[in-house]
PDB file of N, CA and C in Angstrom:
ATOM      1  N   MET A   1      39.573  21.036 -22.342  1.00  0.00           N
ATOM      2  CA  MET A   1      38.847  19.464 -22.831  1.00  0.00           C
ATOM      3  C   MET A   1      38.819  18.806 -21.422  1.00  0.00           C
ATOM      4  N   ARG A   2      40.010  18.718 -20.421  1.00  0.00           N
ATOM      5  CA  ARG A   2      39.425  17.905 -19.543  1.00  0.00           C
ATOM      6  C   ARG A   2      38.556  18.085 -17.969  1.00  0.00           C
ATOM      7  N   LYS A   3      38.377  19.943 -18.125  1.00  0.00           N
ATOM      8  CA  LYS A   3      37.668  19.900 -17.413  1.00  0.00           C
ATOM      9  C   LYS A   3      36.275  19.642 -18.156  1.00  0.00           C
ATOM     10  N   ILE A   4      35.848  20.086 -19.236  1.00  0.00           N
ATOM     11  CA  ILE A   4      34.546  19.308 -19.936  1.00  0.00           C
ATOM     12  C   ILE A   4      34.063  18.463 -19.986  1.00  0.00           C
ATOM     13  N   PHE A   5      34.844  17.324 -20.414  1.00  0.00           N
ATOM     14  CA  PHE A   5      34.880  15.943 -19.762  1.00  0.00           C
ATOM     15  C   PHE A   5      34.528  15.988 -18.240  1.00  0.00           C
ATOM     16  N   GLY A   6      35.237  16.238 -17.538  1.00  0.00           N
ATOM     17  CA  GLY A   6      35.069  16.022 -16.282  1.00  0.00           C
ATOM     18  C   GLY A   6      33.417  16.245 -15.917  1.00  0.00           C
ATOM     19  N   ALA A   7      33.164  17.890 -16.021  1.00  0.00           N
ATOM     20  CA  ALA A   7      31.842  18.108 -15.655  1.00  0.00           C
ATOM     21  C   ALA A   7      30.893  17.662 -16.223  1.00  0.00           C
ATOM     22  N   ILE A   8      31.061  17.035 -18.125  1.00  0.00           N
ATOM     23  CA  ILE A   8      29.674  15.895 -17.892  1.00  0.00           C
ATOM     24  C   ILE A   8      29.956  14.817 -17.633  1.00  0.00           C
ATOM     25  N   VAL A   9      30.754  13.772 -17.195  1.00  0.00           N
ATOM     26  CA  VAL A   9      30.763  12.867 -16.397  1.00  0.00           C
ATOM     27  C   VAL A   9      30.153  13.318 -14.934  1.00  0.00           C
ATOM     28  N   ALA A  10      30.356  14.345 -14.346  1.00  0.00           N
ATOM     29  CA  ALA A  10      29.670  14.705 -13.175  1.00  0.00           C
ATOM     30  C   ALA A  10      28.284  14.844 -13.281  1.00  0.00           C
ATOM     31  N   GLY A  11      27.605  15.555 -14.234  1.00  0.00           N
ATOM     32  CA  GLY A  11      26.572  15.480 -14.659  1.00  0.00           C
ATOM     33  C   GLY A  11      25.826  14.427 -15.001  1.00  0.00           C
ATOM     34  N   LEU A  12      25.937  13.663 -15.523  1.00  0.00           N
ATOM     35  CA  LEU A  12      25.908  12.227 -15.974  1.00  0.00           C
ATOM     36  C   LEU A  12      25.343  11.418 -14.695  1.00  0.00           C
ATOM     37  N   ALA A  13      26.368  11.401 -13.757  1.00  0.00           N
ATOM     38  CA  ALA A  13      26.160  11.029 -12.677  1.00  0.00           C
ATOM     39  C   ALA A  13      25.159  11.205 -11.699  1.00  0.00           C
ATOM     40  N   ILE A  14      24.899  12.738 -11.609  1.00  0.00           N
ATOM     41  CA  ILE A  14      23.704  13.310 -11.061  1.00  0.00           C
ATOM     42  C   ILE A  14      22.755  13.179 -11.717  1.00  0.00           C
ATOM     43  N   LEU A  15      22.646  12.630 -13.085  1.00  0.00           N
ATOM     44  CA  LEU A  15      21.278  12.444 -13.904  1.00  0.00           C
ATOM     45  C   LEU A  15      20.983  11.188 -13.708  1.00  0.00           C
ATOM     46  N   ALA A  16      21.582  10.055 -13.387  1.00  0.00           N
ATOM     47  CA  ALA A  16      22.063   8.841 -12.841  1.00  0.00           C
ATOM     48  C   ALA A  16      20.960   8.210 -11.912  1.00  0.00           C
ATOM     49  N   GLY A  17      21.875   9.432 -10.616  1.00  0.00           N
ATOM     50  CA  GLY A  17      21.471   9.463  -9.513  1.00  0.00           C
ATOM     51  C   GLY A  17      19.815   9.987  -9.345  1.00  0.00           C
ATOM     52  N   MET A  18      19.488  10.536 -10.067  1.00  0.00           N
ATOM     53  CA  MET A  18      18.040  11.317  -9.824  1.00  0.00           C
ATOM     54  C   MET A  18      16.548  10.092 -10.372  1.00  0.00           C
ATOM     55  N   VAL A  19      17.283   9.265 -11.617  1.00  0.00           N
ATOM     56  CA  VAL A  19      16.697   8.360 -12.075  1.00  0.00           C
ATOM     57  C   VAL A  19      16.544   7.340 -11.089  1.00  0.00           C
ATOM     58  N   TRP A  20      17.296   6.830 -10.676  1.00  0.00           N
ATOM     59  CA  TRP A  20      17.525   5.480  -9.247  1.00  0.00           C
ATOM     60  C   TRP A  20      16.885   6.079  -8.239  1.00  0.00           C
ATOM     61  N   SER A  21      16.668   7.326  -7.853  1.00  0.00           N
ATOM     62  CA  SER A  21      15.867   7.337  -6.971  1.00  0.00           C
ATOM     63  C   SER A  21      14.279   8.063  -7.054  1.00  0.00           C
ATOM     64  N   VAL A  22      14.415   8.108  -8.116  1.00  0.00           N
ATOM     65  CA  VAL A  22      12.576   7.926  -8.591  1.00  0.00           C
ATOM     66  C   VAL A  22      11.924   6.572  -8.878  1.00  0.00           C
ATOM     67  N   ASP A  23      12.939   5.399  -9.564  1.00  0.00           N
ATOM     68  CA  ASP A  23      12.692   4.125  -9.529  1.00  0.00           C
ATOM     69  C   ASP A  23      12.473   3.401  -8.040  1.00  0.00           C
ATOM     70  N   ALA A  24      13.391   4.185  -7.182  1.00  0.00           N
ATOM     71  CA  ALA A  24      13.259   3.542  -5.719  1.00  0.00           C
ATOM     72  C   ALA A  24      11.898   3.926  -5.404  1.00  0.00           C
ATOM     73  N   GLY A  25      11.514   5.200  -5.197  1.00  0.00           N
ATOM     74  CA  GLY A  25      10.192   5.970  -4.765  1.00  0.00           C
ATOM     75  C   GLY A  25       9.291   4.703  -5.092  1.00  0.00           C
ATOM     76  N   GLU A  26       9.036   4.745  -6.748  1.00  0.00           N
ATOM     77  CA  GLU A  26       7.777   3.950  -7.304  1.00  0.00           C
ATOM     78  C   GLU A  26       7.790   2.803  -6.570  1.00  0.00           C
ATOM     79  N   THR A  27       9.186   2.115  -6.950  1.00  0.00           N
ATOM     80  CA  THR A  27       8.828   0.533  -6.122  1.00  0.00           C
ATOM     81  C   THR A  27       8.389   0.660  -4.968  1.00  0.00           C
ATOM     82  N   LYS A  28       8.995   1.559  -3.591  1.00  0.00           N
ATOM     83  CA  LYS A  28       8.108   1.473  -1.949  1.00  0.00           C
ATOM     84  C   LYS A  28       6.821   1.748  -2.118  1.00  0.00           C
ATOM     85  N   ALA A  29       6.038   2.615  -3.281  1.00  0.00           N
ATOM     86  CA  ALA A  29       4.728   3.139  -3.383  1.00  0.00           C
ATOM     87  C   ALA A  29       4.284   1.749  -3.676  1.00  0.00           C
ATOM     88  N   LYS A  30       4.607   0.845  -4.564  1.00  0.00           N
ATOM     89  CA  LYS A  30       3.871  -0.426  -5.270  1.00  0.00           C
ATOM     90  C   LYS A  30       4.012  -1.352  -4.158  1.00  0.00           C
ATOM     91  N   VAL A  31       5.016  -1.212  -3.204  1.00  0.00           N
ATOM     92  CA  VAL A  31       5.257  -2.086  -1.844  1.00  0.00           C
ATOM     93  C   VAL A  31       4.038  -1.681  -1.235  1.00  0.00           C
ATOM     94  N   GLU A  32       3.984  -0.365  -0.846  1.00  0.00           N
ATOM     95  CA  GLU A  32       2.798   0.161   0.333  1.00  0.00           C
ATOM     96  C   GLU A  32       1.423  -0.386  -0.186  1.00  0.00           C
ATOM     97  N   LYS A  33       1.139  -0.247  -1.303  1.00  0.00           N
ATOM     98  CA  LYS A  33      -0.138  -0.411  -2.104  1.00  0.00           C
ATOM     99  C   LYS A  33      -0.283  -1.809  -1.850  1.00  0.00           C
ATOM    100  N   GLY A  34       0.342  -2.937  -2.121  1.00  0.00           N
ATOM    101  CA  GLY A  34       0.707  -4.367  -1.957  1.00  0.00           C
ATOM    102  C   GLY A  34       0.200  -4.742  -0.295  1.00  0.00           C
ATOM    103  N   LYS A  35       1.105  -3.841   0.648  1.00  0.00           N
ATOM    104  CA  LYS A  35       0.515  -4.592   1.861  1.00  0.00           C
ATOM    105  C   LYS A  35      -0.620  -3.772   2.281  1.00  0.00           C
ATOM    106  N   ALA A  36      -0.877  -2.658   1.490  1.00  0.00           N
ATOM    107  CA  ALA A  36      -2.412  -2.063   2.192  1.00  0.00           C
ATOM    108  C   ALA A  36      -3.226  -3.401   1.932  1.00  0.00           C
ATOM    109  N   GLU A  37      -3.119  -3.601   0.608  1.00  0.00           N
ATOM    110  CA  GLU A  37      -4.413  -4.727  -0.030  1.00  0.00           C
ATOM    111  C   GLU A  37      -4.218  -5.930   0.814  1.00  0.00           C
ATOM    112  N   MET A  38      -3.262  -6.349   1.214  1.00  0.00           N
ATOM    113  CA  MET A  38      -3.052  -7.442   2.009  1.00  0.00           C
ATOM    114  C   MET A  38      -4.078  -7.446   3.614  1.00  0.00           C
ATOM    115  N   LYS A  39      -3.722  -5.985   3.867  1.00  0.00           N
ATOM    116  CA  LYS A  39      -3.965  -6.031   5.027  1.00  0.00           C
ATOM    117  C   LYS A  39      -5.412  -6.079   5.006  1.00  0.00           C
ATOM    118  N   ALA A  40      -6.124  -5.435   4.371  1.00  0.00           N
ATOM    119  CA  ALA A  40      -7.327  -5.326   3.871  1.00  0.00           C
ATOM    120  C   ALA A  40      -8.258  -6.738   3.504  1.00  0.00           C
ATOM    121  N   GLU A  41      -7.856  -7.307   2.758  1.00  0.00           N
ATOM    122  CA  GLU A  41      -7.686  -8.773   2.467  1.00  0.00           C
ATOM    123  C   GLU A  41      -8.409  -9.512   4.081  1.00  0.00           C
ATOM    124  N   MET A  42      -6.742  -9.639   4.796  1.00  0.00           N
ATOM    125  CA  MET A  42      -7.077 -10.055   6.065  1.00  0.00           C
ATOM    126  C   MET A  42      -8.182  -9.639   6.765  1.00  0.00           C
ATOM    127  N   GLU A  43      -8.216  -8.107   7.009  1.00  0.00           N
ATOM    128  CA  GLU A  43      -9.527  -7.937   7.613  1.00  0.00           C
ATOM    129  C   GLU A  43     -10.830  -8.396   7.379  1.00  0.00           C
ATOM    130  N   GLU A  44     -11.083  -8.238   5.979  1.00  0.00           N
ATOM    131  CA  GLU A  44     -12.701  -9.009   5.332  1.00  0.00           C
ATOM    132  C   GLU A  44     -12.523 -10.325   5.645  1.00  0.00           C
ATOM    133  N   ALA A  45     -11.392 -11.025   5.479  1.00  0.00           N
ATOM    134  CA  ALA A  45     -11.698 -12.538   5.814  1.00  0.00           C
ATOM    135  C   ALA A  45     -11.894 -12.745   7.397  1.00  0.00           C
ATOM    136  N   LYS A  46     -11.592 -11.891   8.183  1.00  0.00           N
ATOM    137  CA  LYS A  46     -11.375 -12.009   9.437  1.00  0.00           C
ATOM    138  C   LYS A  46     -12.823 -11.935   9.699  1.00  0.00           C
ATOM    139  N   GLY A  47     -13.602 -10.616   9.721  1.00  0.00           N
ATOM    140  CA  GLY A  47     -14.812  -9.986   9.136  1.00  0.00           C
ATOM    141  C   GLY A  47     -15.701 -11.598   9.072  1.00  0.00           C
ATOM    142  N   GLU A  48     -15.522 -12.077   7.785  1.00  0.00           N
ATOM    143  CA  GLU A  48     -15.940 -13.319   7.641  1.00  0.00           C
ATOM    144  C   GLU A  48     -16.188 -14.106   8.017  1.00  0.00           C
ATOM    145  N   ALA A  49     -14.803 -14.896   8.614  1.00  0.00           N
ATOM    146  CA  ALA A  49     -15.129 -15.666   9.823  1.00  0.00           C
ATOM    147  C   ALA A  49     -15.643 -15.474  11.166  1.00  0.00           C
ATOM    148  N   LYS A  50     -15.671 -14.268  11.496  1.00  0.00           N
ATOM    149  CA  LYS A  50     -16.748 -13.691  12.920  1.00  0.00           C
ATOM    150  C   LYS A  50     -17.696 -13.806  12.453  1.00  0.00           C
ATOM    151  N   ALA A  51     -18.457 -13.577  11.070  1.00  0.00           N
ATOM    152  CA  ALA A  51     -20.067 -13.978  10.767  1.00  0.00           C
ATOM    153  C   ALA A  51     -20.190 -15.293  11.049  1.00  0.00           C
ATOM    154  N   LEU A  52     -19.746 -15.991  10.239  1.00  0.00           N
ATOM    155  CA  LEU A  52     -19.956 -17.487   9.666  1.00  0.00           C
ATOM    156  C   LEU A  52     -20.026 -18.156  11.317  1.00  0.00           C
ATOM    157  N   LYS A  53     -19.312 -17.863  11.850  1.00  0.00           N
ATOM    158  CA  LYS A  53     -19.263 -18.178  13.575  1.00  0.00           C
ATOM    159  C   LYS A  53     -20.586 -17.795  14.073  1.00  0.00           C
ATOM    160  N   GLU A  54     -21.222 -16.447  14.030  1.00  0.00           N
ATOM    161  CA  GLU A  54     -22.450 -16.389  14.521  1.00  0.00           C
ATOM    162  C   GLU A  54     -23.439 -16.664  13.957  1.00  0.00           C
ATOM    163  N   GLU A  55     -22.954 -16.898  12.818  1.00  0.00           N
ATOM    164  CA  GLU A  55     -24.676 -17.361  11.602  1.00  0.00           C
ATOM    165  C   GLU A  55     -24.865 -18.815  12.398  1.00  0.00           C
ATOM    166  N   ALA A  56     -23.404 -19.795  12.658  1.00  0.00           N
ATOM    167  CA  ALA A  56     -23.559 -21.084  12.781  1.00  0.00           C
ATOM    168  C   ALA A  56     -24.576 -21.105  14.684  1.00  0.00           C
ATOM    169  N   LYS A  57     -24.384 -19.749  15.375  1.00  0.00           N
ATOM    170  CA  LYS A  57     -24.852 -19.650  16.666  1.00  0.00           C
ATOM    171  C   LYS A  57     -26.642 -19.432  16.283  1.00  0.00           C
ATOM    172  N   GLY A  58     -26.923 -19.241  15.554  1.00  0.00           N
ATOM    173  CA  GLY A  58     -28.188 -18.427  14.864  1.00  0.00           C
ATOM    174  C   GLY A  58     -28.599 -17.010  14.967  1.00  0.00           C
ATOM    175  N   ASN A  59     -27.346 -16.162  15.006  1.00  0.00           N
ATOM    176  CA  ASN A  59     -27.202 -14.788  15.285  1.00  0.00           C
ATOM    177  C   ASN A  59     -27.101 -13.995  13.827  1.00  0.00           C
ATOM    178  N   ASP A  60     -28.039 -14.319  13.166  1.00  0.00           N
ATOM    179  CA  ASP A  60     -27.820 -13.243  12.139  1.00  0.00           C
ATOM    180  C   ASP A  60     -27.606 -12.231  11.901  1.00  0.00           C
ATOM    181  N   MET A  61     -28.020 -10.939  12.925  1.00  0.00           N
ATOM    182  CA  MET A  61     -28.045 -10.011  12.522  1.00  0.00           C
ATOM    183  C   MET A  61     -26.532  -9.882  13.388  1.00  0.00           C
ATOM    184  N   LYS A  62     -25.746 -10.265  13.939  1.00  0.00           N
ATOM    185  CA  LYS A  62     -24.914  -9.949  14.495  1.00  0.00           C
ATOM    186  C   LYS A  62     -23.760 -10.681  13.672  1.00  0.00           C
ATOM    187  N   ALA A  63     -24.591 -11.230  12.562  1.00  0.00           N
ATOM    188  CA  ALA A  63     -23.377 -12.272  11.931  1.00  0.00           C
ATOM    189  C   ALA A  63     -22.865 -10.598  10.708  1.00  0.00           C
ATOM    190  N   GLU A  64     -23.734 -10.140  10.473  1.00  0.00           N
ATOM    191  CA  GLU A  64     -24.055  -9.028   9.363  1.00  0.00           C
ATOM    192  C   GLU A  64     -23.381  -7.655  10.071  1.00  0.00           C
ATOM    193  N   MET A  65     -23.117  -7.064  11.289  1.00  0.00           N
ATOM    194  CA  MET A  65     -22.710  -6.529  11.640  1.00  0.00           C
ATOM    195  C   MET A  65     -20.829  -6.924  12.179  1.00  0.00           C
ATOM    196  N   GLU A  66     -20.625  -8.445  11.937  1.00  0.00           N
ATOM    197  CA  GLU A  66     -19.232  -8.303  11.591  1.00  0.00           C
ATOM    198  C   GLU A  66     -18.884  -8.134  10.326  1.00  0.00           C
ATOM    199  N   ARG A  67     -19.823  -8.661   9.296  1.00  0.00           N
ATOM    200  CA  ARG A  67     -18.950  -8.603   8.147  1.00  0.00           C
ATOM    201  C   ARG A  67     -19.102  -7.108   7.715  1.00  0.00           C
ATOM    202  N   ALA A  68     -19.895  -6.165   8.251  1.00  0.00           N
ATOM    203  CA  ALA A  68     -19.880  -4.621   8.519  1.00  0.00           C
ATOM    204  C   ALA A  68     -18.626  -4.142   8.529  1.00  0.00           C
ATOM    205  N   LYS A  69     -18.532  -4.615   9.686  1.00  0.00           N
ATOM    206  CA  LYS A  69     -17.118  -4.335  10.461  1.00  0.00           C
ATOM    207  C   LYS A  69     -15.919  -4.658   9.712  1.00  0.00           C
ATOM    208  N   GLY A  70     -15.639  -5.943   9.625  1.00  0.00           N
ATOM    209  CA  GLY A  70     -14.370  -6.408   8.545  1.00  0.00           C
ATOM    210  C   GLY A  70     -14.637  -5.474   6.769  1.00  0.00           C
ATOM    211  N   LYS A  71     -15.638  -5.175   6.796  1.00  0.00           N
ATOM    212  CA  LYS A  71     -15.471  -4.200   5.463  1.00  0.00           C
ATOM    213  C   LYS A  71     -14.973  -2.778   5.325  1.00  0.00           C
ATOM    214  N   THR A  72     -15.298  -2.689   6.857  1.00  0.00           N
ATOM    215  CA  THR A  72     -15.121  -0.888   7.301  1.00  0.00           C
ATOM    216  C   THR A  72     -13.579  -1.159   7.359  1.00  0.00           C
ATOM    217  N   LYS A  73     -12.952  -2.089   8.262  1.00  0.00           N
ATOM    218  CA  LYS A  73     -11.937  -1.991   8.258  1.00  0.00           C
ATOM    219  C   LYS A  73     -10.645  -1.874   7.295  1.00  0.00           C
ATOM    220  N   ALA A  74     -11.002  -2.745   6.315  1.00  0.00           N
ATOM    221  CA  ALA A  74     -10.496  -3.328   5.293  1.00  0.00           C
ATOM    222  C   ALA A  74     -10.653  -1.728   4.218  1.00  0.00           C
ATOM    223  N   ALA A  75     -11.941  -0.757   3.896  1.00  0.00           N
ATOM    224  CA  ALA A  75     -11.622  -0.157   4.077  1.00  0.00           C
ATOM    225  C   ALA A  75     -10.843   1.107   4.416  1.00  0.00           C
ATOM    226  N   GLY A  76     -10.543   1.342   5.177  1.00  0.00           N
ATOM    227  CA  GLY A  76      -9.962   1.690   6.429  1.00  0.00           C
ATOM    228  C   GLY A  76      -8.117   1.843   5.908  1.00  0.00           C
ATOM    229  N   GLU A  77      -7.564   0.475   5.732  1.00  0.00           N
ATOM    230  CA  GLU A  77      -6.754  -0.228   5.399  1.00  0.00           C
ATOM    231  C   GLU A  77      -6.204   0.017   4.049  1.00  0.00           C
ATOM    232  N   ARG A  78      -7.005   0.227   3.097  1.00  0.00           N
ATOM    233  CA  ARG A  78      -6.702   0.403   2.068  1.00  0.00           C
ATOM    234  C   ARG A  78      -6.512   2.083   1.617  1.00  0.00           C
ATOM    235  N   ALA A  79      -7.354   2.701   2.019  1.00  0.00           N
ATOM    236  CA  ALA A  79      -7.204   3.999   2.180  1.00  0.00           C
ATOM    237  C   ALA A  79      -5.752   4.598   2.732  1.00  0.00           C
ATOM    238  N   LYS A  80      -5.627   4.168   3.561  1.00  0.00           N
ATOM    239  CA  LYS A  80      -3.893   4.029   4.679  1.00  0.00           C
ATOM    240  C   LYS A  80      -3.140   3.826   3.644  1.00  0.00           C
ATOM    241  N   GLY A  81      -3.524   2.393   2.987  1.00  0.00           N
ATOM    242  CA  GLY A  81      -2.161   2.525   1.762  1.00  0.00           C
ATOM    243  C   GLY A  81      -2.163   3.083   0.641  1.00  0.00           C
ATOM    244  N   LYS A  82      -3.130   3.747  -0.096  1.00  0.00           N
ATOM    245  CA  LYS A  82      -3.087   4.483  -1.289  1.00  0.00           C
ATOM    246  C   LYS A  82      -2.589   6.077  -0.614  1.00  0.00           C
ATOM    247  N   ALA A  83      -2.959   6.469   0.684  1.00  0.00           N
ATOM    248  CA  ALA A  83      -2.051   7.710   1.599  1.00  0.00           C
ATOM    249  C   ALA A  83      -0.529   7.477   1.165  1.00  0.00           C
ATOM    250  N   LYS A  84      -0.060   6.238   1.414  1.00  0.00           N
ATOM    251  CA  LYS A  84       1.208   5.986   1.667  1.00  0.00           C
ATOM    252  C   LYS A  84       1.559   6.005   0.518  1.00  0.00           C
ATOM    253  N   GLU A  85       1.363   5.324  -0.680  1.00  0.00           N
ATOM    254  CA  GLU A  85       1.675   5.165  -1.835  1.00  0.00           C
ATOM    255  C   GLU A  85       1.692   6.554  -2.250  1.00  0.00           C
ATOM    256  N   LEU A  86       0.910   7.382  -2.573  1.00  0.00           N
ATOM    257  CA  LEU A  86       0.687   8.684  -3.137  1.00  0.00           C
ATOM    258  C   LEU A  86       2.011   9.299  -2.814  1.00  0.00           C
ATOM    259  N   LYS A  87       2.372   9.368  -1.319  1.00  0.00           N
ATOM    260  CA  LYS A  87       3.128   9.850  -0.061  1.00  0.00           C
ATOM    261  C   LYS A  87       4.568   9.719  -0.741  1.00  0.00           C
ATOM    262  N   GLU A  88       4.648   8.149  -1.317  1.00  0.00           N
ATOM    263  CA  GLU A  88       5.868   7.584  -1.775  1.00  0.00           C
ATOM    264  C   GLU A  88       5.965   8.010  -2.977  1.00  0.00           C
ATOM    265  N   GLU A  89       5.071   8.503  -4.230  1.00  0.00           N
ATOM    266  CA  GLU A  89       4.984   8.804  -5.345  1.00  0.00           C
ATOM    267  C   GLU A  89       5.311  10.194  -5.278  1.00  0.00           C
ATOM    268  N   ALA A  90       5.249  11.127  -4.283  1.00  0.00           N
ATOM    269  CA  ALA A  90       5.510  12.357  -4.205  1.00  0.00           C
ATOM    270  C   ALA A  90       6.774  12.693  -3.890  1.00  0.00           C
ATOM    271  N   LYS A  91       7.754  11.685  -3.703  1.00  0.00           N
ATOM    272  CA  LYS A  91       9.107  12.398  -2.952  1.00  0.00           C
ATOM    273  C   LYS A  91       9.764  12.294  -4.233  1.00  0.00           C
TER     274      LYS A  91
END
């Protein structure tokens, strides 16, 4: 009886450890996604700020290029974040 009880307690401890590990992975995945989104928004804002500066100078073409560069960098950051998120979920 004592051995059976010990085995049950050990099994529950292992199960609880696995559940905690899965929860930690999901949390880290959400953090990675949030960080990537924040970086993406920052890149877009930088591109927009540079574009506004160029528009003030009268360089409309260069302003559009700066906006496009900001959006491209933001898309790259989002892709990196998605990859990190999927990697953490897979663990």
